[in-house]
Amino acid sequence: MSSTSTAGRISLDALLRDDGLYCVYQPFVDVDSGAVTAFEALLRAPAGSGWQSPVELLDTARAAGRLADLERASLRASLGDAARLSDGRPVTLFVNLEPDTLTRRRDVVLEALAARAGHVQVVVEITERALAEDLAGVLAGAEELRAAGCAIALDDVGVHPESLAFIPLLRPEVVKLDLKLLRTVKDPATVVVAGAVRSYAEQAGAEVVAEGVETPDDLIRAQVLGATLGQGWLWSRGERAFGPSQSQPERFAARPIGAALAGTPYQLIGAGRRIRHAPKHLLVPVSKTLELMALEASVPPVVLAAFEDVRFFRPSTARRFTELAARLPFVAALGVGMPPSPVPGVRGAALSPRDPLAGEWTVVVLGAHTSAALMALDLGDTGADRDREFEFVVTYDRGLVTAAAQSLVGRLTAG
């Protein structure tokens, strides 16, 4: 292949072969103190190379099947710069990662991270759209990155407001508000997004970044939106240097989800909660009430349910879940023998009969302002279905509901 395209553009192969790509670094600034706390690596092609933007590079690499190679080159460039240009000072570096690389080629990322300098703390940014595309894969990938010492930042939040429901599941350490929100502070939709993010950040201790801060007025708007950090041309357009900064690694420490992804909802209940017994026919109205709560929520949540076996996903349940899927951002149903799509819009997952979850009935509703769950253990009765006895807990504890949801998501596969 020649080193230039027919339009005179240096080919992607040549850029990757000759280490032609580089990064500039834009600071994150504390909106209250003005201190620089971190930097984001922004990929660039050489001047005169014919490439107009990083997006063009990404699109071309994706089409050519070389996205992982491009990500590897970007990571090596930015991590190498952070080691050399920081003069040994502790530095926190944000790096961007495409969803496909996170879910299918984590080896590329982990290999680069393993070679990073000891004084370089890394935060990995993924886009909001990644969650809807492969929720289980993103959670699994994020956990591996956290195990490698990297916090997770969720980028472009607010582009698709329905994705707000996914934030509690991923539990990112940093939430980055899409730059358009800064221009629409008075818009009701922006107020909803900002309120949901603020609620999550207060509960989880997450940092909130306002992108696109260009003027002092923008800085005030960022504070109104609940941002703790700002990023934009008010401070820098990106430079080939790491300026003075205040190292605050505790603000960007990785917080793994941990045991929730391996356990079952009922196993997560723990001691100190009152366990009760009831037949199934008395618990069905509780389940329906949770479904109604999801439909009436001001910010639509996700609904995740485990039915033990597909035979308990009856026609009446199928009709209700079809309606849920039509109105909510994500609905899933799990059970032994459950097909990949039991009804239109519902993500299905087949459980192994040996999975402890196959003996539990769970309904979870989780969103920006909503958290509720029915977690029940089948006691093994062999009589009529409606009279089967369960131990159960109904909870609105956000921490427990979130863990239960993560447990179910951990058993899903990409749709």
Protein backbone atom coordinates (compact mmCIF):
# COMPACT_ATOMS: atom_id res chain seq x y z
CA MET A 1 0.00 0.00 0.00
CA SER A 2 1.32 3.45 -0.82
CA SER A 3 2.05 5.92 1.96
CA THR A 4 -0.54 8.39 0.70
CA SER A 5 -4.15 8.09 -0.37
CA THR A 6 -5.43 9.22 -3.75
CA ALA A 7 -6.36 12.54 -2.12
CA GLY A 8 -2.81 13.09 -0.91
CA ARG A 9 -3.58 12.03 2.63
CA ILE A 10 -0.98 10.02 4.52
CA SER A 11 -2.40 6.53 4.91
CA LEU A 12 -3.45 5.13 8.25
CA ASP A 13 -0.97 2.29 7.77
CA ALA A 14 1.85 4.79 7.40
CA LEU A 15 0.79 6.76 10.47
CA LEU A 16 0.72 3.62 12.57
CA ARG A 17 3.93 2.21 11.11
CA ASP A 18 5.94 5.40 11.50
CA ASP A 19 4.55 6.48 14.90
CA GLY A 20 3.10 9.55 13.23
CA LEU A 21 0.27 10.04 15.72
CA TYR A 22 0.64 12.16 18.83
CA CYS A 23 -1.48 13.61 21.65
CA VAL A 24 -2.10 17.02 23.14
CA TYR A 25 -3.22 17.42 26.73
CA GLN A 26 -6.13 19.47 28.01
CA PRO A 27 -6.40 20.12 31.76
CA PHE A 28 -9.25 19.40 34.14
CA VAL A 29 -9.74 22.33 36.50
CA ASP A 30 -11.48 22.37 39.87
CA VAL A 31 -14.38 24.78 39.35
CA ASP A 32 -14.12 26.13 42.90
CA SER A 33 -10.38 26.38 43.58
CA GLY A 34 -9.08 26.75 40.02
CA ALA A 35 -6.51 24.01 40.60
CA VAL A 36 -5.52 21.74 37.71
CA THR A 37 -6.10 18.15 38.84
CA ALA A 38 -5.75 16.01 35.70
CA PHE A 39 -5.25 16.02 31.92
CA GLU A 40 -7.06 14.40 29.00
CA ALA A 41 -5.09 12.96 26.08
CA LEU A 42 -6.52 14.15 22.75
CA LEU A 43 -5.31 12.25 19.68
CA ARG A 44 -3.89 14.20 16.75
CA ALA A 45 -2.41 13.47 13.32
CA PRO A 46 0.60 15.47 12.04
CA ALA A 47 -0.03 18.84 10.42
CA GLY A 48 -0.25 18.49 6.66
CA SER A 49 -1.11 14.78 6.86
CA GLY A 50 -4.55 15.32 5.34
CA TRP A 51 -6.49 14.05 8.36
CA GLN A 52 -9.10 16.55 9.50
CA SER A 53 -10.08 15.18 12.91
CA PRO A 54 -9.63 12.30 15.38
CA VAL A 55 -13.16 11.15 14.49
CA GLU A 56 -12.02 10.67 10.89
CA LEU A 57 -9.10 8.57 12.12
CA LEU A 58 -11.37 6.43 14.28
CA ASP A 59 -13.93 5.89 11.52
CA THR A 60 -11.24 4.91 9.03
CA ALA A 61 -9.55 2.54 11.49
CA ARG A 62 -12.88 0.93 12.35
CA ALA A 63 -13.75 0.39 8.69
CA ALA A 64 -10.30 -1.10 8.03
CA GLY A 65 -10.46 -3.43 11.03
CA ARG A 66 -7.56 -1.59 12.67
CA LEU A 67 -9.31 0.11 15.56
CA ALA A 68 -7.32 -1.86 18.14
CA ASP A 69 -4.07 -0.84 16.44
CA LEU A 70 -5.08 2.82 16.53
CA GLU A 71 -6.06 2.59 20.19
CA ARG A 72 -2.75 0.88 20.99
CA ALA A 73 -0.81 3.66 19.27
CA SER A 74 -2.79 6.35 21.09
CA LEU A 75 -2.31 4.71 24.48
CA ARG A 76 1.40 4.21 23.98
CA ALA A 77 1.84 7.82 22.87
CA SER A 78 -0.09 9.33 25.78
CA LEU A 79 1.31 7.06 28.49
CA GLY A 80 4.82 7.62 27.18
CA ASP A 81 4.32 11.38 27.22
CA ALA A 82 2.91 11.27 30.74
CA ALA A 83 6.01 9.44 31.91
CA ARG A 84 8.46 11.79 30.16
CA LEU A 85 6.83 15.22 30.08
CA SER A 86 5.68 15.29 33.70
CA ASP A 87 9.28 15.34 34.98
CA GLY A 88 8.47 12.58 37.42
CA ARG A 89 5.64 14.53 39.07
CA PRO A 90 2.47 12.53 39.86
CA VAL A 91 -0.04 13.04 37.06
CA THR A 92 -3.59 11.84 36.41
CA LEU A 93 -4.22 11.07 32.75
CA PHE A 94 -7.62 10.54 31.10
CA VAL A 95 -7.52 8.34 27.98
CA ASN A 96 -10.39 7.61 25.59
CA LEU A 97 -11.43 4.11 24.64
CA GLU A 98 -13.89 2.96 22.00
CA PRO A 99 -16.61 0.50 23.14
CA ASP A 100 -15.42 -2.26 20.79
CA THR A 101 -11.93 -2.14 22.24
CA LEU A 102 -13.25 -2.24 25.79
CA THR A 103 -15.50 -5.24 25.20
CA ARG A 104 -13.52 -7.22 22.60
CA ARG A 105 -9.85 -6.19 22.79
CA ARG A 106 -9.15 -5.40 26.41
CA ASP A 107 -5.77 -7.06 25.97
CA VAL A 108 -4.63 -3.99 24.03
CA VAL A 109 -5.51 -1.72 26.93
CA LEU A 110 -4.18 -3.95 29.70
CA GLU A 111 -0.89 -4.42 27.86
CA ALA A 112 -0.40 -0.66 27.57
CA LEU A 113 -1.41 -0.07 31.18
CA ALA A 114 1.04 -2.66 32.45
CA ALA A 115 3.90 -0.61 30.99
CA ARG A 116 2.84 2.76 32.43
CA ALA A 117 5.12 4.65 34.77
CA GLY A 118 4.44 4.34 38.47
CA HIS A 119 3.68 8.04 38.91
CA VAL A 120 0.97 8.01 36.20
CA GLN A 121 -2.62 7.47 37.34
CA VAL A 122 -5.02 6.54 34.53
CA VAL A 123 -8.74 7.16 34.11
CA VAL A 124 -10.38 5.45 31.13
CA GLU A 125 -13.17 7.32 29.34
CA ILE A 126 -15.94 5.43 27.58
CA THR A 127 -18.93 6.91 25.80
CA GLU A 128 -22.49 6.80 27.00
CA ARG A 129 -23.59 4.89 23.89
CA ALA A 130 -21.41 1.92 24.90
CA LEU A 131 -23.77 0.98 27.71
CA ALA A 132 -26.84 0.33 25.58
CA GLU A 133 -24.80 -1.57 22.98
CA ASP A 134 -23.30 -4.16 25.34
CA LEU A 135 -24.14 -3.51 28.97
CA ALA A 136 -22.71 -6.77 30.31
CA GLY A 137 -19.52 -6.45 28.26
CA VAL A 138 -18.93 -2.88 29.42
CA LEU A 139 -19.40 -3.80 33.08
CA ALA A 140 -17.01 -6.74 32.75
CA GLY A 141 -14.45 -4.60 30.93
CA ALA A 142 -14.73 -1.80 33.45
CA GLU A 143 -14.09 -4.23 36.30
CA GLU A 144 -10.92 -5.50 34.64
CA LEU A 145 -9.68 -1.95 34.18
CA ARG A 146 -10.47 -1.13 37.80
CA ALA A 147 -8.54 -4.22 38.87
CA ALA A 148 -5.62 -2.75 36.91
CA GLY A 149 -5.93 0.46 38.93
CA CYS A 150 -7.96 2.59 36.50
CA ALA A 151 -11.05 4.58 37.37
CA ILE A 152 -13.84 4.84 34.80
CA ALA A 153 -15.21 8.06 33.31
CA LEU A 154 -18.51 8.05 31.43
CA ASP A 155 -18.36 10.57 28.58
CA ASP A 156 -21.04 12.48 26.64
CA VAL A 157 -23.68 12.09 29.35
CA GLY A 158 -26.85 13.87 28.29
CA VAL A 159 -26.66 13.11 24.56
CA HIS A 160 -29.27 10.41 25.09
CA PRO A 161 -31.17 11.19 28.32
CA GLU A 162 -32.66 7.69 28.40
CA SER A 163 -29.16 6.37 29.10
CA LEU A 164 -29.19 8.01 32.54
CA ALA A 165 -30.64 4.75 33.84
CA PHE A 166 -27.36 2.96 33.10
CA ILE A 167 -25.17 5.21 35.24
CA PRO A 168 -25.91 3.50 38.59
CA LEU A 169 -25.10 0.12 37.00
CA LEU A 170 -21.67 1.12 35.72
CA ARG A 171 -20.98 3.31 38.78
CA PRO A 172 -18.38 5.48 37.01
CA GLU A 173 -15.98 7.35 39.24
CA VAL A 174 -16.28 10.36 36.89
CA VAL A 175 -19.29 11.59 34.89
CA LYS A 176 -18.62 13.98 31.99
CA LEU A 177 -21.56 16.14 30.95
CA ASP A 178 -21.95 16.62 27.22
CA LEU A 179 -20.87 20.11 26.18
CA LYS A 180 -24.31 20.98 24.77
CA LEU A 181 -25.70 21.02 28.32
CA LEU A 182 -23.60 24.08 29.12
CA ARG A 183 -25.43 25.97 26.36
CA THR A 184 -28.91 24.89 27.48
CA VAL A 185 -28.80 25.34 31.25
CA LYS A 186 -32.40 26.62 31.41
CA ASP A 187 -33.84 23.87 29.22
CA PRO A 188 -36.06 21.46 31.21
CA ALA A 189 -34.37 18.44 29.63
CA THR A 190 -30.96 19.74 30.75
CA VAL A 191 -32.28 20.32 34.26
CA VAL A 192 -33.46 16.69 34.37
CA VAL A 193 -30.08 15.38 33.23
CA ALA A 194 -28.16 17.60 35.64
CA GLY A 195 -30.42 16.60 38.52
CA ALA A 196 -29.99 12.91 37.79
CA VAL A 197 -26.21 13.23 37.58
CA ARG A 198 -26.04 15.34 40.74
CA SER A 199 -28.10 12.74 42.61
CA TYR A 200 -25.82 9.94 41.47
CA ALA A 201 -22.64 11.89 42.21
CA GLU A 202 -23.73 12.71 45.76
CA GLN A 203 -24.64 9.10 46.43
CA ALA A 204 -21.54 7.56 44.82
CA GLY A 205 -18.95 10.25 45.57
CA ALA A 206 -18.28 10.72 41.86
CA GLU A 207 -16.65 13.69 40.15
CA VAL A 208 -18.73 15.61 37.59
CA VAL A 209 -16.99 17.30 34.65
CA ALA A 210 -18.49 20.10 32.55
CA GLU A 211 -17.02 20.09 29.05
CA GLY A 212 -16.84 23.09 26.75
CA VAL A 213 -16.08 25.78 29.35
CA GLU A 214 -14.94 28.73 27.23
CA THR A 215 -15.83 31.85 29.26
CA PRO A 216 -16.22 32.92 32.90
CA ASP A 217 -20.00 32.78 32.36
CA ASP A 218 -19.63 29.16 31.25
CA LEU A 219 -17.81 28.46 34.49
CA ILE A 220 -20.79 29.74 36.47
CA ARG A 221 -23.12 27.59 34.36
CA ALA A 222 -20.92 24.58 35.09
CA GLN A 223 -21.30 25.20 38.80
CA VAL A 224 -25.08 25.49 38.40
CA LEU A 225 -25.10 22.11 36.65
CA GLY A 226 -23.33 20.57 39.65
CA ALA A 227 -19.89 20.16 38.08
CA THR A 228 -16.88 19.72 40.33
CA LEU A 229 -14.41 19.96 37.44
CA GLY A 230 -14.32 21.93 34.20
CA GLN A 231 -12.60 21.40 30.88
CA GLY A 232 -12.40 23.73 27.91
CA TRP A 233 -10.80 26.62 26.08
CA LEU A 234 -11.12 28.95 29.06
CA TRP A 235 -7.98 27.25 30.32
CA SER A 236 -6.41 25.48 27.34
CA ARG A 237 -7.10 24.11 23.87
CA GLY A 238 -4.62 21.31 24.46
CA GLU A 239 -0.84 21.45 24.55
CA ARG A 240 2.11 19.15 24.07
CA ALA A 241 2.96 19.56 27.74
CA PHE A 242 1.74 18.82 31.24
CA GLY A 243 1.53 22.14 33.05
CA PRO A 244 1.65 22.64 36.81
CA SER A 245 -1.00 20.61 38.63
CA GLN A 246 -2.06 19.53 42.10
CA SER A 247 -1.99 15.76 42.40
CA GLN A 248 -5.23 14.59 44.03
CA PRO A 249 -5.23 10.85 43.28
CA GLU A 250 -7.96 10.11 45.81
CA ARG A 251 -10.46 11.96 43.61
CA PHE A 252 -9.81 9.52 40.77
CA ALA A 253 -9.29 6.27 42.66
CA ALA A 254 -10.77 3.10 41.15
CA ARG A 255 -13.69 1.63 43.10
CA PRO A 256 -14.42 -1.92 41.88
CA ILE A 257 -17.98 -3.21 41.98
CA GLY A 258 -16.67 -6.53 43.27
CA ALA A 259 -18.78 -9.39 44.61
CA ALA A 260 -22.08 -8.18 43.15
CA LEU A 261 -21.16 -9.42 39.68
CA ALA A 262 -20.57 -12.96 40.96
CA GLY A 263 -23.38 -13.38 43.50
CA THR A 264 -27.15 -13.59 43.21
CA PRO A 265 -29.58 -10.94 44.45
CA TYR A 266 -30.76 -13.10 47.34
CA GLN A 267 -27.18 -13.91 48.35
CA LEU A 268 -26.47 -10.17 48.51
CA ILE A 269 -29.19 -9.41 51.06
CA GLY A 270 -26.87 -9.96 54.01
CA ALA A 271 -27.59 -10.12 57.71
CA GLY A 272 -29.84 -7.73 59.57
CA ARG A 273 -32.72 -7.64 57.10
CA ARG A 274 -36.10 -9.09 57.94
CA ILE A 275 -36.83 -12.15 55.80
CA ARG A 276 -40.49 -13.05 55.31
CA HIS A 277 -42.45 -15.91 53.76
CA ALA A 278 -45.39 -15.77 51.37
CA PRO A 279 -46.99 -17.77 48.56
CA LYS A 280 -46.37 -16.66 45.00
CA HIS A 281 -49.90 -15.37 44.40
CA LEU A 282 -49.41 -12.73 47.11
CA LEU A 283 -46.06 -11.63 45.69
CA VAL A 284 -47.26 -11.21 42.10
CA PRO A 285 -49.01 -7.89 42.94
CA VAL A 286 -45.72 -6.66 44.45
CA SER A 287 -43.95 -7.46 41.19
CA LYS A 288 -46.62 -5.65 39.17
CA THR A 289 -46.36 -2.63 41.45
CA LEU A 290 -42.63 -2.40 40.77
CA GLU A 291 -43.29 -2.59 37.03
CA LEU A 292 -45.83 0.22 37.34
CA MET A 293 -43.30 2.28 39.31
CA ALA A 294 -40.89 1.92 36.40
CA LEU A 295 -43.48 3.11 33.88
CA GLU A 296 -44.40 6.15 35.97
CA ALA A 297 -40.84 7.30 36.80
CA SER A 298 -39.93 10.81 35.64
CA VAL A 299 -36.56 9.53 34.38
CA PRO A 300 -37.15 6.07 32.87
CA PRO A 301 -35.25 3.31 34.72
CA VAL A 302 -34.11 -0.15 33.66
CA VAL A 303 -36.06 -3.26 34.62
CA LEU A 304 -34.26 -6.55 35.17
CA ALA A 305 -36.06 -9.73 36.18
CA ALA A 306 -35.17 -13.35 36.86
CA PHE A 307 -38.00 -15.89 36.55
CA GLU A 308 -36.24 -19.12 37.57
CA ASP A 309 -37.41 -20.91 34.41
CA VAL A 310 -38.85 -19.76 31.09
CA ARG A 311 -42.10 -21.60 31.85
CA PHE A 312 -42.83 -18.93 34.48
CA PHE A 313 -42.54 -16.19 31.84
CA ARG A 314 -46.22 -16.62 31.05
CA PRO A 315 -48.25 -14.88 28.30
CA SER A 316 -49.57 -12.27 30.74
CA THR A 317 -45.99 -11.51 31.84
CA ALA A 318 -44.88 -11.37 28.23
CA ARG A 319 -47.52 -8.74 27.46
CA ARG A 320 -46.46 -6.57 30.40
CA PHE A 321 -42.79 -6.84 29.51
CA THR A 322 -43.51 -5.95 25.90
CA GLU A 323 -45.01 -2.69 27.15
CA LEU A 324 -42.08 -2.10 29.50
CA ALA A 325 -39.60 -2.59 26.65
CA ALA A 326 -41.48 -0.13 24.46
CA ARG A 327 -41.20 2.63 27.06
CA LEU A 328 -37.97 2.00 28.98
CA PRO A 329 -34.30 2.16 27.91
CA PHE A 330 -33.48 -1.43 28.85
CA VAL A 331 -35.48 -4.48 29.95
CA ALA A 332 -34.07 -7.95 30.54
CA ALA A 333 -35.50 -11.34 31.52
CA LEU A 334 -33.42 -14.27 32.76
CA GLY A 335 -34.29 -17.89 33.39
CA VAL A 336 -33.48 -21.48 32.49
CA GLY A 337 -34.38 -21.89 28.82
CA MET A 338 -34.99 -18.15 28.28
CA PRO A 339 -34.44 -17.24 24.60
CA PRO A 340 -32.26 -14.26 23.59
CA SER A 341 -35.37 -12.19 22.84
CA PRO A 342 -38.41 -13.64 24.62
CA VAL A 343 -40.61 -10.74 23.42
CA PRO A 344 -39.83 -7.71 21.24
CA GLY A 345 -37.35 -5.34 22.87
CA VAL A 346 -36.55 -7.55 25.87
CA ARG A 347 -33.02 -8.90 26.28
CA GLY A 348 -33.18 -12.54 27.31
CA ALA A 349 -30.51 -14.66 28.98
CA ALA A 350 -30.59 -18.41 29.55
CA LEU A 351 -29.45 -19.54 32.99
CA SER A 352 -27.76 -22.82 33.73
CA PRO A 353 -29.96 -25.06 35.92
CA ARG A 354 -26.94 -25.17 38.26
CA ASP A 355 -26.85 -21.39 38.64
CA PRO A 356 -28.17 -20.46 42.12
CA LEU A 357 -30.15 -17.69 40.41
CA ALA A 358 -32.29 -20.42 38.82
CA GLY A 359 -33.86 -20.86 42.26
CA GLU A 360 -34.67 -17.17 42.77
CA TRP A 361 -37.39 -14.82 41.61
CA THR A 362 -36.15 -11.26 41.26
CA VAL A 363 -37.57 -8.02 39.91
CA VAL A 364 -35.29 -4.96 39.95
CA VAL A 365 -36.13 -1.38 39.01
CA LEU A 366 -33.13 0.96 38.93
CA GLY A 367 -32.75 4.45 37.54
CA ALA A 368 -31.56 7.94 38.28
CA HIS A 369 -34.25 8.56 40.91
CA THR A 370 -35.75 5.08 41.29
CA SER A 371 -34.56 2.00 43.13
CA ALA A 372 -36.71 -0.92 44.21
CA ALA A 373 -36.49 -4.70 44.16
CA LEU A 374 -38.31 -7.88 45.02
CA MET A 375 -35.79 -10.60 45.86
CA ALA A 376 -37.27 -14.00 46.60
CA LEU A 377 -35.93 -17.52 47.17
CA ASP A 378 -37.98 -20.51 46.00
CA LEU A 379 -38.47 -22.89 48.94
CA GLY A 380 -38.99 -25.88 46.65
CA ASP A 381 -42.72 -26.55 47.01
CA THR A 382 -44.13 -28.96 44.43
CA GLY A 383 -47.79 -27.95 44.58
CA ALA A 384 -49.73 -25.51 42.41
CA ASP A 385 -47.60 -22.69 41.02
CA ARG A 386 -49.67 -19.95 42.66
CA ASP A 387 -49.19 -21.54 46.08
CA ARG A 388 -45.41 -22.04 45.91
CA GLU A 389 -43.74 -20.56 48.99
CA PHE A 390 -40.90 -18.04 48.85
CA GLU A 391 -38.66 -16.33 51.32
CA PHE A 392 -38.54 -12.71 50.23
CA VAL A 393 -37.36 -9.17 50.80
CA VAL A 394 -38.78 -6.02 49.24
CA THR A 395 -36.25 -3.20 49.39
CA TYR A 396 -35.78 0.38 48.27
CA ASP A 397 -32.19 0.52 49.53
CA ARG A 398 -30.29 1.97 46.55
CA GLY A 399 -27.06 0.20 47.40
CA LEU A 400 -28.68 -3.22 47.64
CA VAL A 401 -30.89 -2.66 44.58
CA THR A 402 -27.86 -1.56 42.56
CA ALA A 403 -25.91 -4.65 43.62
CA ALA A 404 -28.86 -6.88 42.69
CA ALA A 405 -29.07 -5.23 39.26
CA GLN A 406 -25.34 -5.67 38.70
CA SER A 407 -25.67 -9.33 39.64
CA LEU A 408 -28.28 -9.84 36.92
CA VAL A 409 -26.41 -7.80 34.30
CA GLY A 410 -23.31 -9.90 34.94
CA ARG A 411 -25.22 -12.87 33.51
CA LEU A 412 -26.26 -11.16 30.29
CA THR A 413 -24.40 -11.41 27.01
CA ALA A 414 -24.22 -8.94 24.15
CA GLY A 415 -27.38 -8.78 22.08
